[in-house]
Amino acid sequence: MNKTLYYQFKSSHNGVFLAGDSVGWCGGWIEGALQTGMNAAAAIVRRFCGEDGLFPNNPMTQNDELYKYGP
């Protein structure tokens, strides 16, 4: 469930991007809020400017399967 919320910025088609400490891996800490905020900002840049508006190794290049636990 948390993985789905965290990576929703990569697959949102309606223009709504979630961010905040409740969406990140570190619930209740500023680190999770900042991390998900940067993810949402990168998704917004990609939506309006395309891939050319992003720097290399941006949040959109995160591997969703890196931490796959279970089936």
N, C-alpha and C. Protein backbone atom coordinates (compact mmCIF):
# COMPACT_ATOMS: atom_id res chain seq x y z
N MET A 1 0.82 -1.19 0.00
CA MET A 1 0.00 0.00 0.00
C MET A 1 0.87 1.26 0.00
N ASN A 2 1.85 1.33 0.88
CA ASN A 2 2.71 2.51 0.95
C ASN A 2 3.51 2.66 -0.34
N LYS A 3 3.92 1.55 -0.93
CA LYS A 3 4.66 1.60 -2.18
C LYS A 3 3.79 2.19 -3.29
N THR A 4 2.53 1.82 -3.33
CA THR A 4 1.61 2.35 -4.33
C THR A 4 1.44 3.86 -4.18
N LEU A 5 1.29 4.32 -2.94
CA LEU A 5 1.16 5.76 -2.70
C LEU A 5 2.45 6.49 -3.07
N TYR A 6 3.57 5.94 -2.68
CA TYR A 6 4.85 6.62 -2.92
C TYR A 6 5.13 6.79 -4.42
N TYR A 7 4.87 5.75 -5.20
CA TYR A 7 5.19 5.79 -6.63
C TYR A 7 4.04 6.28 -7.50
N GLN A 8 2.96 6.79 -6.93
CA GLN A 8 1.82 7.24 -7.74
C GLN A 8 2.19 8.41 -8.64
N PHE A 9 3.22 9.17 -8.29
CA PHE A 9 3.62 10.32 -9.11
C PHE A 9 4.10 9.88 -10.49
N LYS A 10 4.54 8.62 -10.63
CA LYS A 10 5.02 8.14 -11.92
C LYS A 10 3.89 7.69 -12.84
N SER A 11 2.71 7.42 -12.26
CA SER A 11 1.64 6.87 -13.09
C SER A 11 0.34 7.66 -13.03
N SER A 12 0.33 8.82 -12.40
CA SER A 12 -0.89 9.61 -12.31
C SER A 12 -1.20 10.24 -13.67
N HIS A 13 -2.40 9.97 -14.17
CA HIS A 13 -2.81 10.50 -15.47
C HIS A 13 -3.79 11.66 -15.34
N ASN A 14 -4.24 11.93 -14.13
CA ASN A 14 -5.24 12.98 -13.95
C ASN A 14 -4.63 14.29 -13.45
N GLY A 15 -3.32 14.35 -13.29
CA GLY A 15 -2.67 15.58 -12.86
C GLY A 15 -2.67 15.81 -11.36
N VAL A 16 -3.09 14.83 -10.58
CA VAL A 16 -3.06 14.94 -9.12
C VAL A 16 -1.85 14.15 -8.62
N PHE A 17 -0.97 14.84 -7.91
CA PHE A 17 0.25 14.21 -7.40
C PHE A 17 0.28 14.38 -5.89
N LEU A 18 0.35 13.27 -5.17
CA LEU A 18 0.34 13.30 -3.72
C LEU A 18 1.73 13.55 -3.17
N ALA A 19 1.80 14.30 -2.08
CA ALA A 19 3.07 14.55 -1.41
C ALA A 19 2.79 14.79 0.07
N GLY A 20 3.76 14.47 0.90
CA GLY A 20 3.62 14.70 2.34
C GLY A 20 4.23 13.56 3.13
N ASP A 21 4.33 13.75 4.43
CA ASP A 21 4.97 12.73 5.27
C ASP A 21 4.17 11.44 5.32
N SER A 22 2.88 11.49 5.06
CA SER A 22 2.05 10.28 5.09
C SER A 22 2.21 9.43 3.83
N VAL A 23 2.79 10.00 2.78
CA VAL A 23 2.95 9.29 1.52
C VAL A 23 4.34 8.66 1.41
N GLY A 24 5.32 9.21 2.10
CA GLY A 24 6.70 8.73 2.01
C GLY A 24 6.96 7.51 2.88
N TRP A 25 8.19 7.04 2.80
CA TRP A 25 8.60 5.87 3.57
C TRP A 25 8.80 6.20 5.05
N CYS A 26 9.12 7.44 5.37
CA CYS A 26 9.41 7.86 6.74
C CYS A 26 8.23 8.66 7.28
N GLY A 27 7.13 8.00 7.58
CA GLY A 27 5.93 8.69 8.05
C GLY A 27 6.18 9.52 9.30
N GLY A 28 5.67 10.75 9.30
CA GLY A 28 5.81 11.61 10.46
C GLY A 28 7.12 12.39 10.52
N TRP A 29 7.96 12.26 9.48
CA TRP A 29 9.24 12.96 9.47
C TRP A 29 9.30 13.88 8.26
N ILE A 30 10.04 14.97 8.39
CA ILE A 30 10.16 15.95 7.31
C ILE A 30 10.83 15.33 6.08
N GLU A 31 11.69 14.35 6.28
CA GLU A 31 12.39 13.72 5.15
C GLU A 31 11.40 13.15 4.13
N GLY A 32 10.37 12.45 4.62
CA GLY A 32 9.37 11.88 3.72
C GLY A 32 8.58 12.95 2.99
N ALA A 33 8.28 14.05 3.67
CA ALA A 33 7.53 15.14 3.04
C ALA A 33 8.37 15.81 1.95
N LEU A 34 9.65 16.05 2.22
CA LEU A 34 10.52 16.67 1.22
C LEU A 34 10.73 15.76 0.02
N GLN A 35 10.93 14.48 0.29
CA GLN A 35 11.18 13.53 -0.78
C GLN A 35 9.97 13.42 -1.71
N THR A 36 8.78 13.29 -1.15
CA THR A 36 7.58 13.17 -1.98
C THR A 36 7.24 14.50 -2.65
N GLY A 37 7.61 15.61 -2.02
CA GLY A 37 7.42 16.91 -2.65
C GLY A 37 8.29 17.06 -3.89
N MET A 38 9.54 16.59 -3.81
CA MET A 38 10.42 16.64 -4.98
C MET A 38 9.92 15.70 -6.08
N ASN A 39 9.39 14.55 -5.69
CA ASN A 39 8.81 13.63 -6.67
C ASN A 39 7.65 14.28 -7.40
N ALA A 40 6.75 14.92 -6.65
CA ALA A 40 5.58 15.58 -7.25
C ALA A 40 6.02 16.73 -8.15
N ALA A 41 7.02 17.50 -7.73
CA ALA A 41 7.51 18.61 -8.55
C ALA A 41 8.09 18.10 -9.87
N ALA A 42 8.84 17.00 -9.82
CA ALA A 42 9.40 16.42 -11.04
C ALA A 42 8.29 15.92 -11.96
N ALA A 43 7.24 15.35 -11.39
CA ALA A 43 6.11 14.88 -12.20
C ALA A 43 5.39 16.05 -12.87
N ILE A 44 5.28 17.17 -12.18
CA ILE A 44 4.64 18.36 -12.77
C ILE A 44 5.50 18.92 -13.90
N VAL A 45 6.81 18.98 -13.70
CA VAL A 45 7.70 19.46 -14.76
C VAL A 45 7.59 18.55 -15.98
N ARG A 46 7.58 17.24 -15.76
CA ARG A 46 7.46 16.30 -16.89
C ARG A 46 6.13 16.48 -17.60
N ARG A 47 5.07 16.73 -16.85
CA ARG A 47 3.74 16.89 -17.44
C ARG A 47 3.67 18.12 -18.35
N PHE A 48 4.30 19.22 -17.94
CA PHE A 48 4.19 20.46 -18.70
C PHE A 48 5.35 20.70 -19.67
N CYS A 49 6.53 20.17 -19.36
CA CYS A 49 7.71 20.44 -20.20
C CYS A 49 8.25 19.20 -20.90
N GLY A 50 7.74 18.04 -20.56
CA GLY A 50 8.27 16.81 -21.14
C GLY A 50 9.58 16.41 -20.47
N GLU A 51 10.18 15.36 -20.98
CA GLU A 51 11.42 14.84 -20.40
C GLU A 51 12.58 15.83 -20.56
N ASP A 52 12.50 16.74 -21.53
CA ASP A 52 13.59 17.69 -21.76
C ASP A 52 13.74 18.70 -20.62
N GLY A 53 12.68 18.90 -19.83
CA GLY A 53 12.74 19.87 -18.74
C GLY A 53 13.39 19.33 -17.48
N LEU A 54 13.74 18.04 -17.48
CA LEU A 54 14.29 17.41 -16.28
C LEU A 54 15.78 17.14 -16.40
N PHE A 55 16.48 17.22 -15.29
CA PHE A 55 17.89 16.87 -15.25
C PHE A 55 18.05 15.36 -15.25
N PRO A 56 19.23 14.85 -15.65
CA PRO A 56 19.48 13.41 -15.55
C PRO A 56 19.39 12.95 -14.08
N ASN A 57 19.05 11.72 -13.86
CA ASN A 57 18.91 11.13 -12.52
C ASN A 57 17.90 11.88 -11.67
N ASN A 58 16.80 12.28 -12.27
CA ASN A 58 15.73 12.96 -11.55
C ASN A 58 14.82 11.93 -10.90
N PRO A 59 13.87 12.35 -10.05
CA PRO A 59 13.00 11.39 -9.37
C PRO A 59 12.20 10.48 -10.31
N MET A 60 11.98 10.92 -11.55
CA MET A 60 11.21 10.09 -12.48
C MET A 60 11.98 8.85 -12.91
N THR A 61 13.28 8.80 -12.64
CA THR A 61 14.08 7.64 -13.03
C THR A 61 14.16 6.59 -11.92
N GLN A 62 13.41 6.77 -10.84
CA GLN A 62 13.43 5.79 -9.75
C GLN A 62 12.87 4.45 -10.24
N ASN A 63 13.46 3.39 -9.77
CA ASN A 63 13.03 2.03 -10.14
C ASN A 63 11.98 1.56 -9.14
N ASP A 64 10.73 1.39 -9.59
CA ASP A 64 9.64 0.96 -8.70
C ASP A 64 9.85 -0.45 -8.16
N GLU A 65 10.59 -1.26 -8.88
CA GLU A 65 10.77 -2.66 -8.49
C GLU A 65 12.01 -2.89 -7.63
N LEU A 66 12.72 -1.84 -7.29
CA LEU A 66 13.94 -1.98 -6.51
C LEU A 66 13.68 -2.61 -5.15
N TYR A 67 12.59 -2.23 -4.53
CA TYR A 67 12.24 -2.77 -3.22
C TYR A 67 10.94 -3.54 -3.31
N LYS A 68 10.94 -4.60 -4.08
CA LYS A 68 9.74 -5.41 -4.25
C LYS A 68 9.75 -6.52 -3.21
N TYR A 69 8.83 -6.40 -2.26
CA TYR A 69 8.72 -7.39 -1.20
C TYR A 69 7.45 -8.20 -1.42
N GLY A 70 7.59 -9.48 -1.51
CA GLY A 70 6.42 -10.34 -1.70
C GLY A 70 6.20 -10.67 -3.17
N PRO A 71 5.04 -11.28 -3.47
CA PRO A 71 4.77 -11.75 -4.84
C PRO A 71 4.59 -10.66 -5.86
